[in-house]
């Protein structure tokens, strides 16, 4: 990785039509400090996607609860520059927290969403990534614990053939064919053999440099090993757009796992990538906007009589499109800033402490000195956050206390948890959840009319016509005429 202090430039197309984005994967060893530093330090400005195995997942706040006023919200470290994605499971269950997460930079033109067909497991999940219109999948992985073999079997059964796919993380699996460095001690195991067979049968390719271990030995009697892998499937490997694989123990901030870096060069799918923009609403342009709106309404022929519910929907849609058309025609358009806000509490002391941890590892200092620099980084981050929030609290007044209360609770993307449908698919978006709830509680049931046909109805006897005499007719005719 090329570390620097300059902020990255906005996304631009290379001469060959590719957009390059750097991806980092690391085992955070449940360190809150380590993840905060990776997200906030300028040392990692080049990173666009961060894949974290064994993340810190703990209390990040409290929320209202029916019976417990100390009900805790569980989550991972947050940063306004990044969006965090976790497996689509019950993330508030402390007995089964997510074991891998992914962060995506907001200002790099990357669209990401959880694959709704991905299995719901703490050990891995699937992200759909779109860069420059090019779509591929990333599967963050952390196989660990008593269910290690069971989780590995579930991963081995996951289909990943047709769509370009990256599988990244800590597998905790070794195999002699994937270790080629001095001092490697790899014993053959059943799970290791299954791992090798899975790679072969699924046409998967390991990008690791097999001469560089990804985990260092810190316990006497242990040896360095390669258990963190970067794997691509045949569909992605054939495109030859993933390159520059590298690893660095220094940049993992004293984790016993190396930080792994590689670059994906996304091809141009659309000739004219959409550029985010906004319209400046000028009250002085009200008359022009109204005239443009009325003109568009007349062009669409919206002044008509409503005769059915479908026409109501068409009229509402037409009015909304007319509003949009008038705004685009009259109001000033400006491109939005691609720069996302940084963590407001991160300061120069934090950056300096983070840099010292990296340099200490690069210079090969002993463990005590590295641990001292790591502890100082933790101290700087804690001090900076406390000072920032103390300043926020000092500005609290009766007229803004509720605004501060709403601010510290943050913004939720989805209020409902991920739902599983009867067919096993997962609903992760608001629209999918609404459709699933509607189909579950208000299912459409075709109704057969209860009425019987005329032939099946009971036939009554015909009533006789009343007798009318000629005298009655003669007496009534003069009155009618």
Protein backbone atom coordinates (compact mmCIF):
# COMPACT_ATOMS: atom_id res chain seq x y z
CA UNK A 1 0.00 0.00 0.00
CA UNK A 2 1.19 3.48 -0.72
CA UNK A 3 0.70 5.46 2.46
CA UNK A 4 0.31 9.21 2.15
CA UNK A 5 -1.13 12.23 3.84
CA UNK A 6 -2.93 13.70 0.82
CA UNK A 7 -6.63 13.08 0.43
CA UNK A 8 -7.52 11.01 -2.65
CA UNK A 9 -8.72 12.75 -5.78
CA UNK A 10 -12.33 12.28 -6.95
CA UNK A 11 -12.89 9.13 -9.01
CA UNK A 12 -11.58 9.54 -12.55
CA UNK A 13 -11.42 7.26 -15.55
CA UNK A 14 -7.96 6.03 -16.45
CA UNK A 15 -6.69 6.19 -20.01
CA UNK A 16 -7.72 2.58 -20.53
CA UNK A 17 -11.25 3.22 -19.28
CA UNK A 18 -10.75 1.51 -15.90
CA UNK A 19 -11.41 2.86 -12.43
CA UNK A 20 -8.97 1.54 -9.83
CA UNK A 21 -10.02 1.02 -6.22
CA UNK A 22 -7.82 -0.35 -3.46
CA UNK A 23 -9.20 -2.97 -1.08
CA UNK A 24 -7.78 -3.89 2.32
CA UNK A 25 -8.49 -6.94 4.46
CA UNK A 26 -7.35 -7.37 8.04
CA UNK A 27 -8.06 -9.34 11.20
CA UNK A 28 -8.79 -6.70 13.85
CA UNK A 29 -8.60 -9.17 16.78
CA UNK A 30 -11.65 -7.49 18.39
CA UNK A 31 -9.83 -4.15 18.74
CA UNK A 32 -12.01 -1.04 18.83
CA UNK A 33 -8.93 1.19 18.65
CA UNK A 34 -7.50 -0.61 15.63
CA UNK A 35 -10.70 -0.25 13.58
CA UNK A 36 -11.11 3.43 14.51
CA UNK A 37 -7.54 4.13 13.38
CA UNK A 38 -7.98 2.26 10.10
CA UNK A 39 -11.12 4.26 9.32
CA UNK A 40 -9.92 7.70 10.39
CA UNK A 41 -6.15 7.91 9.86
CA UNK A 42 -4.86 9.65 6.70
CA UNK A 43 -2.37 6.76 6.55
CA UNK A 44 -5.15 4.72 4.90
CA UNK A 45 -6.66 7.32 2.59
CA UNK A 46 -6.10 5.12 -0.46
CA UNK A 47 -8.41 2.39 0.85
CA UNK A 48 -11.91 2.31 -0.66
CA UNK A 49 -13.18 -1.00 0.77
CA UNK A 50 -12.10 -2.40 4.15
CA UNK A 51 -12.87 -6.03 5.01
CA UNK A 52 -12.54 -6.83 8.72
CA UNK A 53 -12.39 -10.31 10.24
CA UNK A 54 -12.93 -10.73 13.99
CA UNK A 55 -14.14 -7.13 14.49
CA UNK A 56 -14.96 -5.40 17.75
CA UNK A 57 -18.73 -5.71 18.24
CA UNK A 58 -20.02 -4.24 21.46
CA UNK A 59 -22.22 -1.59 23.11
CA UNK A 60 -22.46 1.62 21.10
CA UNK A 61 -25.39 3.23 22.92
CA UNK A 62 -28.74 2.67 24.59
CA UNK A 63 -32.29 2.78 23.35
CA UNK A 64 -35.79 2.82 24.80
CA UNK A 65 -37.02 -0.54 26.02
CA UNK A 66 -40.27 -1.73 27.56
CA UNK A 67 -38.75 -3.29 30.69
CA UNK A 68 -35.03 -2.44 30.69
CA UNK A 69 -33.95 1.21 30.81
CA UNK A 70 -30.34 0.12 30.27
CA UNK A 71 -31.04 -1.76 27.05
CA UNK A 72 -27.83 -1.61 25.01
CA UNK A 73 -27.38 -1.22 21.29
CA UNK A 74 -24.61 -3.39 19.88
CA UNK A 75 -22.55 -2.42 16.86
CA UNK A 76 -19.13 -1.78 15.36
CA UNK A 77 -16.99 1.38 15.30
CA UNK A 78 -18.52 4.01 13.03
CA UNK A 79 -17.05 6.78 10.92
CA UNK A 80 -18.92 9.33 8.78
CA UNK A 81 -16.56 8.60 5.87
CA UNK A 82 -17.62 4.97 5.70
CA UNK A 83 -20.72 2.79 5.45
CA UNK A 84 -20.60 -0.37 7.54
CA UNK A 85 -22.14 -3.67 6.41
CA UNK A 86 -22.69 -6.66 8.70
CA UNK A 87 -24.15 -10.12 8.07
CA UNK A 88 -27.97 -10.14 7.77
CA UNK A 89 -28.48 -11.81 11.15
CA UNK A 90 -29.78 -10.70 14.55
CA UNK A 91 -26.93 -8.29 15.28
CA UNK A 92 -28.30 -7.52 18.76
CA UNK A 93 -27.77 -11.06 20.04
CA UNK A 94 -24.60 -10.92 22.18
CA UNK A 95 -24.30 -14.72 22.08
CA UNK A 96 -23.85 -14.74 18.30
CA UNK A 97 -22.32 -11.45 17.07
CA UNK A 98 -21.12 -10.87 13.50
CA UNK A 99 -17.64 -12.30 12.98
CA UNK A 100 -16.88 -10.27 9.86
CA UNK A 101 -17.92 -6.85 8.58
CA UNK A 102 -17.09 -4.61 5.63
CA UNK A 103 -16.68 -0.85 5.30
CA UNK A 104 -17.19 1.04 2.02
CA UNK A 105 -16.02 4.63 1.51
CA UNK A 106 -18.87 7.01 0.72
CA UNK A 107 -16.89 9.34 -1.54
CA UNK A 108 -15.45 6.85 -4.03
CA UNK A 109 -18.44 6.26 -6.31
CA UNK A 110 -19.03 2.74 -4.96
CA UNK A 111 -22.53 1.32 -4.58
CA UNK A 112 -22.90 -1.59 -2.16
CA UNK A 113 -25.82 -3.62 -0.86
CA UNK A 114 -26.25 -6.95 0.89
CA UNK A 115 -27.17 -9.84 -1.39
CA UNK A 116 -30.68 -10.87 -0.23
CA UNK A 117 -30.05 -14.47 -1.31
CA UNK A 118 -26.93 -14.82 0.82
CA UNK A 119 -27.09 -17.28 3.74
CA UNK A 120 -27.63 -15.67 7.13
CA UNK A 121 -24.51 -16.68 9.07
CA UNK A 122 -22.14 -14.80 11.40
CA UNK A 123 -19.13 -16.35 9.62
CA UNK A 124 -19.60 -14.87 6.14
CA UNK A 125 -22.02 -12.90 4.01
CA UNK A 126 -22.22 -11.55 0.46
CA UNK A 127 -22.01 -7.95 -0.70
CA UNK A 128 -23.01 -6.78 -4.17
CA UNK A 129 -20.53 -4.08 -5.27
CA UNK A 130 -20.91 -1.73 -8.24
CA UNK A 131 -18.00 0.44 -9.44
CA UNK A 132 -18.35 2.43 -12.66
CA UNK A 133 -21.37 0.27 -13.51
CA UNK A 134 -19.34 -2.94 -13.14
CA UNK A 135 -20.87 -5.37 -10.67
CA UNK A 136 -19.15 -8.06 -8.64
CA UNK A 137 -19.53 -9.77 -5.28
CA UNK A 138 -17.35 -9.64 -2.16
CA UNK A 139 -17.67 -12.35 0.49
CA UNK A 140 -16.02 -11.34 3.80
CA UNK A 141 -15.04 -14.44 5.81
CA UNK A 142 -13.99 -15.34 9.34
CA UNK A 143 -14.09 -19.07 10.11
CA UNK A 144 -13.43 -19.65 13.78
CA UNK A 145 -14.62 -21.30 16.97
CA UNK A 146 -16.45 -24.54 17.78
CA UNK A 147 -18.46 -24.31 14.54
CA UNK A 148 -15.36 -23.79 12.41
CA UNK A 149 -15.78 -26.94 10.31
CA UNK A 150 -19.55 -26.47 10.00
CA UNK A 151 -19.12 -22.88 8.82
CA UNK A 152 -16.44 -23.96 6.34
CA UNK A 153 -18.77 -26.60 4.88
CA UNK A 154 -21.50 -23.97 4.44
CA UNK A 155 -19.03 -21.70 2.64
CA UNK A 156 -17.82 -24.54 0.41
CA UNK A 157 -21.41 -25.16 -0.71
CA UNK A 158 -22.03 -21.52 -1.62
CA UNK A 159 -22.34 -21.20 -5.43
CA UNK A 160 -19.91 -18.66 -6.87
CA UNK A 161 -19.42 -19.51 -10.53
CA UNK A 162 -21.36 -17.15 -12.78
CA UNK A 163 -20.84 -13.73 -11.13
CA UNK A 164 -17.33 -12.25 -10.61
CA UNK A 165 -16.62 -12.90 -6.93
CA UNK A 166 -13.95 -12.07 -4.33
CA UNK A 167 -13.66 -14.17 -1.17
CA UNK A 168 -11.51 -12.47 1.47
CA UNK A 169 -10.76 -13.06 5.12
CA UNK A 170 -9.32 -15.29 7.81
CA UNK A 171 -10.12 -18.95 7.08
CA UNK A 172 -8.02 -20.47 9.90
CA UNK A 173 -7.18 -23.25 7.43
CA UNK A 174 -3.73 -24.35 6.27
CA UNK A 175 -2.61 -26.62 3.46
CA UNK A 176 0.91 -27.58 2.34
CA UNK A 177 0.18 -26.44 -1.22
CA UNK A 178 -0.52 -22.89 0.01
CA UNK A 179 2.61 -22.28 2.13
CA UNK A 180 6.03 -21.84 0.55
CA UNK A 181 8.20 -19.85 2.95
CA UNK A 182 11.14 -20.87 5.19
CA UNK A 183 10.08 -22.27 8.55
CA UNK A 184 6.54 -23.17 7.50
CA UNK A 185 5.07 -26.00 9.57
CA UNK A 186 1.89 -27.20 7.93
CA UNK A 187 0.24 -30.45 8.86
CA UNK A 188 -2.21 -32.07 6.51
CA UNK A 189 -5.78 -32.10 7.83
CA UNK A 190 -9.16 -33.23 6.57
CA UNK A 191 -10.45 -29.65 6.53
CA UNK A 192 -7.34 -28.50 4.68
CA UNK A 193 -7.85 -31.15 2.03
CA UNK A 194 -11.51 -30.15 1.64
CA UNK A 195 -10.37 -26.54 1.30
CA UNK A 196 -7.98 -27.46 -1.53
CA UNK A 197 -10.64 -29.58 -3.25
CA UNK A 198 -13.14 -26.73 -2.98
CA UNK A 199 -10.72 -24.35 -4.70
CA UNK A 200 -10.10 -26.86 -7.49
CA UNK A 201 -13.71 -27.94 -8.03
CA UNK A 202 -15.09 -24.38 -7.98
CA UNK A 203 -12.38 -22.93 -10.26
CA UNK A 204 -11.15 -20.57 -7.54
CA UNK A 205 -7.75 -18.89 -7.62
CA UNK A 206 -5.63 -17.83 -4.61
CA UNK A 207 -3.93 -14.45 -5.12
CA UNK A 208 -1.67 -14.70 -2.06
CA UNK A 209 2.10 -14.58 -2.34
CA UNK A 210 2.75 -18.03 -0.86
CA UNK A 211 6.19 -16.94 0.26
CA UNK A 212 4.77 -14.39 2.71
CA UNK A 213 2.99 -15.56 5.87
CA UNK A 214 -0.17 -13.72 6.89
CA UNK A 215 0.02 -14.52 10.61
CA UNK A 216 3.10 -14.18 12.77
CA UNK A 217 3.99 -16.43 15.68
CA UNK A 218 3.79 -14.71 19.06
CA UNK A 219 3.55 -17.85 21.18
CA UNK A 220 6.59 -20.00 21.81
CA UNK A 221 6.43 -23.19 19.78
CA UNK A 222 4.14 -21.72 17.11
CA UNK A 223 5.27 -20.97 13.57
CA UNK A 224 4.21 -18.32 11.04
CA UNK A 225 1.36 -19.40 8.81
CA UNK A 226 -0.82 -18.47 5.87
CA UNK A 227 -4.45 -18.58 7.01
CA UNK A 228 -5.71 -15.29 5.52
CA UNK A 229 -6.55 -15.66 1.85
CA UNK A 230 -7.62 -13.50 -1.08
CA UNK A 231 -9.53 -15.72 -3.51
CA UNK A 232 -11.19 -14.91 -6.83
CA UNK A 233 -13.48 -17.11 -8.88
CA UNK A 234 -12.90 -17.99 -12.51
CA UNK A 235 -15.26 -15.31 -13.82
CA UNK A 236 -13.26 -12.55 -12.10
CA UNK A 237 -9.86 -14.16 -12.68
CA UNK A 238 -10.47 -14.32 -16.44
CA UNK A 239 -11.02 -10.55 -16.56
CA UNK A 240 -7.50 -9.96 -15.16
CA UNK A 241 -8.56 -6.84 -13.26
CA UNK A 242 -7.36 -7.73 -9.73
CA UNK A 243 -3.68 -6.96 -9.18
CA UNK A 244 -1.00 -5.55 -6.86
CA UNK A 245 -1.53 -8.05 -4.05
CA UNK A 246 0.62 -7.06 -1.07
CA UNK A 247 0.77 -7.65 2.68
CA UNK A 248 2.18 -5.68 5.59
CA UNK A 249 2.33 -6.49 9.29
CA UNK A 250 3.21 -2.85 9.98
CA UNK A 251 -0.07 -1.51 8.59
CA UNK A 252 -2.24 -3.92 10.61
CA UNK A 253 -1.47 -1.78 13.70
CA UNK A 254 0.06 -4.50 15.89
CA UNK A 255 -2.39 -7.24 14.94
CA UNK A 256 -0.78 -10.66 14.71
CA UNK A 257 -2.29 -10.89 11.22
CA UNK A 258 -0.89 -9.00 8.26
CA UNK A 259 -2.90 -6.32 6.52
CA UNK A 260 -3.53 -7.41 2.93
CA UNK A 261 -3.92 -4.96 0.06
CA UNK A 262 -4.92 -5.42 -3.56
CA UNK A 263 -6.43 -3.32 -6.33
CA UNK A 264 -9.43 -3.95 -8.55
CA UNK A 265 -9.59 -2.13 -11.89
CA UNK A 266 -13.30 -1.87 -12.69
CA UNK A 267 -14.04 -1.66 -16.43
CA UNK A 268 -16.24 1.08 -17.81
CA UNK A 269 -19.76 -0.26 -18.28
CA UNK A 270 -21.53 3.05 -18.93
CA UNK A 271 -20.13 5.62 -21.37
CA UNK A 272 -21.43 8.50 -19.30
CA UNK A 273 -21.27 7.75 -15.57
CA UNK A 274 -23.96 9.59 -13.65
CA UNK A 275 -22.58 12.53 -11.71
CA UNK A 276 -24.39 13.40 -8.50
CA UNK A 277 -25.90 16.87 -8.53
CA UNK A 278 -28.40 19.03 -6.70
CA UNK A 279 -30.73 21.89 -7.60
CA UNK A 280 -30.62 25.27 -5.86
CA UNK A 281 -34.22 26.29 -5.12
CA UNK A 282 -34.46 30.05 -5.67
CA UNK A 283 -37.70 31.67 -4.36
CA UNK A 284 -37.29 34.47 -6.93
CA UNK A 285 -37.85 31.91 -9.69
CA UNK A 286 -41.30 30.93 -8.39
CA UNK A 287 -43.22 32.45 -11.32
CA UNK A 288 -40.94 30.86 -13.91
CA UNK A 289 -41.21 27.51 -12.16
CA UNK A 290 -45.02 27.77 -12.04
CA UNK A 291 -45.18 28.61 -15.74
CA UNK A 292 -42.94 25.65 -16.60
CA UNK A 293 -45.03 23.37 -14.41
CA UNK A 294 -48.30 24.46 -16.04
CA UNK A 295 -46.80 24.03 -19.51
CA UNK A 296 -45.70 20.50 -18.69
CA UNK A 297 -49.11 19.64 -17.25
CA UNK A 298 -50.79 20.77 -20.47
CA UNK A 299 -48.29 18.80 -22.59
CA UNK A 300 -49.04 15.63 -20.64
CA UNK A 301 -52.79 16.25 -20.82
CA UNK A 302 -53.31 15.89 -17.09
CA UNK A 303 -56.44 18.04 -17.01
CA UNK A 304 -58.93 15.27 -17.49
CA UNK A 305 -61.86 13.72 -15.71
CA UNK A 306 -60.99 10.92 -13.31
CA UNK A 307 -63.10 7.82 -13.91
CA UNK A 308 -61.14 4.98 -12.26
CA UNK A 309 -58.44 4.38 -9.61
CA UNK A 310 -55.79 3.76 -12.29
CA UNK A 311 -56.27 7.29 -13.62
CA UNK A 312 -55.72 8.64 -10.09
CA UNK A 313 -52.34 6.90 -9.98
CA UNK A 314 -51.44 8.19 -13.44
CA UNK A 315 -52.42 11.73 -12.47
CA UNK A 316 -50.32 11.63 -9.28
CA UNK A 317 -47.32 10.26 -11.18
CA UNK A 318 -47.75 12.91 -13.86
CA UNK A 319 -47.87 15.73 -11.32
CA UNK A 320 -44.67 14.51 -9.66
CA UNK A 321 -42.87 14.19 -12.98
CA UNK A 322 -44.07 17.69 -13.92
CA UNK A 323 -42.60 19.08 -10.70
CA UNK A 324 -39.27 17.41 -11.46
CA UNK A 325 -39.31 18.63 -15.05
CA UNK A 326 -40.01 22.22 -14.00
CA UNK A 327 -37.23 22.15 -11.39
CA UNK A 328 -34.70 20.81 -13.90
CA UNK A 329 -35.77 23.40 -16.48
CA UNK A 330 -35.72 26.47 -14.22
CA UNK A 331 -33.53 25.98 -11.16
CA UNK A 332 -29.73 26.11 -11.12
CA UNK A 333 -27.97 22.73 -11.08
CA UNK A 334 -24.73 22.26 -9.15
CA UNK A 335 -22.58 19.13 -8.76
CA UNK A 336 -22.55 17.73 -5.26
CA UNK A 337 -19.33 17.53 -3.31
CA UNK A 338 -17.84 14.05 -3.38
CA UNK A 339 -15.93 14.63 -0.16
CA UNK A 340 -17.55 12.93 2.81
CA UNK A 341 -17.17 14.32 6.35
CA UNK A 342 -14.36 12.94 8.45
CA UNK A 343 -14.60 11.72 12.03
CA UNK A 344 -14.99 15.03 13.90
CA UNK A 345 -13.01 13.86 16.94
CA UNK A 346 -9.90 12.61 15.08
CA UNK A 347 -6.99 15.04 15.53
CA UNK A 348 -3.28 15.39 14.81
CA UNK A 349 -2.33 13.54 18.00
CA UNK A 350 -4.26 10.49 16.79
CA UNK A 351 -2.62 10.64 13.36
CA UNK A 352 0.85 10.94 14.87
CA UNK A 353 0.24 8.04 17.26
CA UNK A 354 -1.04 5.86 14.41
CA UNK A 355 2.02 6.68 12.32
CA UNK A 356 4.33 5.75 15.18
CA UNK A 357 2.73 2.31 15.46
CA UNK A 358 3.29 1.70 11.74
CA UNK A 359 6.91 2.90 11.84
CA UNK A 360 7.68 0.87 14.97
CA UNK A 361 6.63 -2.30 13.19
CA UNK A 362 8.50 -1.36 10.01
CA UNK A 363 11.69 -0.68 11.98
CA UNK A 364 11.46 -4.03 13.75
CA UNK A 365 11.29 -2.72 17.31
CA UNK A 366 10.76 -5.23 20.10
CA UNK A 367 7.30 -6.23 21.31
CA UNK A 368 7.38 -4.02 24.42
CA UNK A 369 8.06 -0.88 22.40
CA UNK A 370 5.40 -1.73 19.83
CA UNK A 371 2.92 -2.45 22.61
CA UNK A 372 3.79 0.91 24.19
CA UNK A 373 3.05 2.75 20.93
CA UNK A 374 -0.20 0.81 20.53
CA UNK A 375 -1.28 1.75 24.05
CA UNK A 376 -0.50 5.39 23.32
CA UNK A 377 -2.68 5.22 20.19
CA UNK A 378 -5.52 3.86 22.32
CA UNK A 379 -4.97 6.72 24.81
CA UNK A 380 -4.98 9.39 22.08
CA UNK A 381 -8.20 8.08 20.52
CA UNK A 382 -9.95 7.84 23.89
CA UNK A 383 -8.79 11.32 24.88
CA UNK A 384 -9.83 12.86 21.56
CA UNK A 385 -13.31 11.31 21.68
CA UNK A 386 -13.83 12.33 25.30
CA UNK A 387 -12.74 15.93 24.60
CA UNK A 388 -15.03 16.15 21.59
CA UNK A 389 -18.11 14.87 23.41
CA UNK A 390 -17.34 16.94 26.51
CA UNK A 391 -17.42 20.00 24.27
CA UNK A 392 -20.76 18.90 22.84
CA UNK A 393 -22.19 18.46 26.33
CA UNK A 394 -20.89 21.88 27.40
CA UNK A 395 -23.01 23.52 24.69
CA UNK A 396 -26.25 21.89 25.88
CA UNK A 397 -29.04 24.38 26.56
CA UNK A 398 -32.78 23.99 27.12
CA UNK A 399 -33.46 25.02 23.53
CA UNK A 400 -31.11 22.49 21.89
CA UNK A 401 -31.02 19.53 24.27
CA UNK A 402 -33.46 17.50 22.17
CA UNK A 403 -31.44 18.13 19.04
CA UNK A 404 -28.31 16.83 20.77
CA UNK A 405 -30.26 13.80 21.99
CA UNK A 406 -31.37 13.00 18.45
CA UNK A 407 -27.84 13.63 17.09
CA UNK A 408 -26.08 11.22 19.43
CA UNK A 409 -28.55 8.44 18.66
CA UNK A 410 -27.54 8.66 15.01
CA UNK A 411 -29.46 7.77 11.88
CA UNK A 412 -30.86 4.34 11.15
CA UNK A 413 -31.07 3.06 7.62
CA UNK A 414 -33.63 0.34 8.35
CA UNK A 415 -35.83 0.17 11.42
CA UNK A 416 -36.82 -3.45 10.90
CA UNK A 417 -34.36 -6.33 11.19
CA UNK A 418 -33.68 -8.60 8.24
CA UNK A 419 -36.65 -10.89 7.60
CA UNK A 420 -36.60 -14.40 6.18
CA UNK A 421 -39.32 -15.47 3.77
CA UNK A 422 -40.97 -18.91 3.60
CA UNK A 423 -38.65 -19.87 0.74
CA UNK A 424 -35.55 -18.97 2.76
CA UNK A 425 -34.74 -15.70 0.97
CA UNK A 426 -33.81 -12.70 3.09
CA UNK A 427 -35.54 -9.31 2.93
CA UNK A 428 -32.97 -6.58 3.63
CA UNK A 429 -34.52 -3.45 2.09
CA UNK A 430 -37.62 -1.58 3.20
CA UNK A 431 -39.47 -2.48 -0.02
CA UNK A 432 -38.68 -6.18 0.27
CA UNK A 433 -39.68 -6.20 3.95
CA UNK A 434 -42.97 -4.44 3.18
CA UNK A 435 -43.81 -6.94 0.44
CA UNK A 436 -42.95 -9.88 2.70
CA UNK A 437 -45.08 -8.54 5.58
CA UNK A 438 -47.98 -7.79 3.22
CA UNK A 439 -47.87 -11.26 1.67
CA UNK A 440 -47.64 -12.87 5.12
CA UNK A 441 -50.44 -11.04 6.93
CA UNK A 442 -52.62 -9.93 4.01
CA UNK A 443 -52.27 -12.72 1.44
CA UNK A 444 -54.25 -12.48 -1.76
CA UNK A 445 -56.84 -15.24 -1.88
CA UNK A 446 -58.94 -15.59 -5.05
CA UNK A 447 -62.62 -15.52 -4.09
CA UNK A 448 -65.31 -17.45 -5.97
CA UNK A 449 -68.64 -15.55 -6.11
CA UNK A 450 -71.19 -17.10 -3.78
CA UNK A 451 -74.16 -16.39 -6.09
CA UNK A 452 -75.77 -19.28 -8.04
CA UNK A 453 -76.57 -19.32 -11.71
CA UNK A 454 -80.10 -18.68 -12.97
CA UNK A 455 -80.53 -22.31 -14.01
CA UNK A 456 -79.64 -23.49 -10.49
CA UNK A 457 -82.15 -21.19 -8.83
CA UNK A 458 -85.50 -22.57 -7.73
CA UNK A 459 -88.22 -21.83 -10.30
CA UNK A 460 -91.53 -20.56 -8.99
CA UNK A 461 -94.86 -21.25 -10.72
CA UNK A 462 -96.06 -18.56 -13.08
CA UNK A 463 -98.71 -16.31 -11.60
CA UNK A 464 -101.97 -16.10 -13.59
CA UNK A 465 -102.92 -12.76 -15.08
CA UNK A 466 -105.92 -11.14 -13.36
CA UNK A 467 -109.12 -11.35 -15.39
CA UNK A 468 -110.27 -8.08 -16.96
CA UNK A 469 -113.77 -7.76 -18.42
CA UNK A 470 -114.72 -5.83 -21.52
CA UNK A 471 -116.92 -3.58 -19.37
CA UNK A 472 -113.95 -2.53 -17.21
CA UNK A 473 -111.91 -1.72 -20.30
CA UNK A 474 -114.75 0.30 -21.85
CA UNK A 475 -115.30 2.20 -18.60
CA UNK A 476 -111.57 3.16 -18.26
CA UNK A 477 -110.80 4.13 -21.85
CA UNK A 478 -112.78 7.41 -21.79
CA UNK A 479 -110.99 8.45 -18.57
CA UNK A 480 -107.50 7.89 -20.08
CA UNK A 481 -108.28 9.72 -23.30
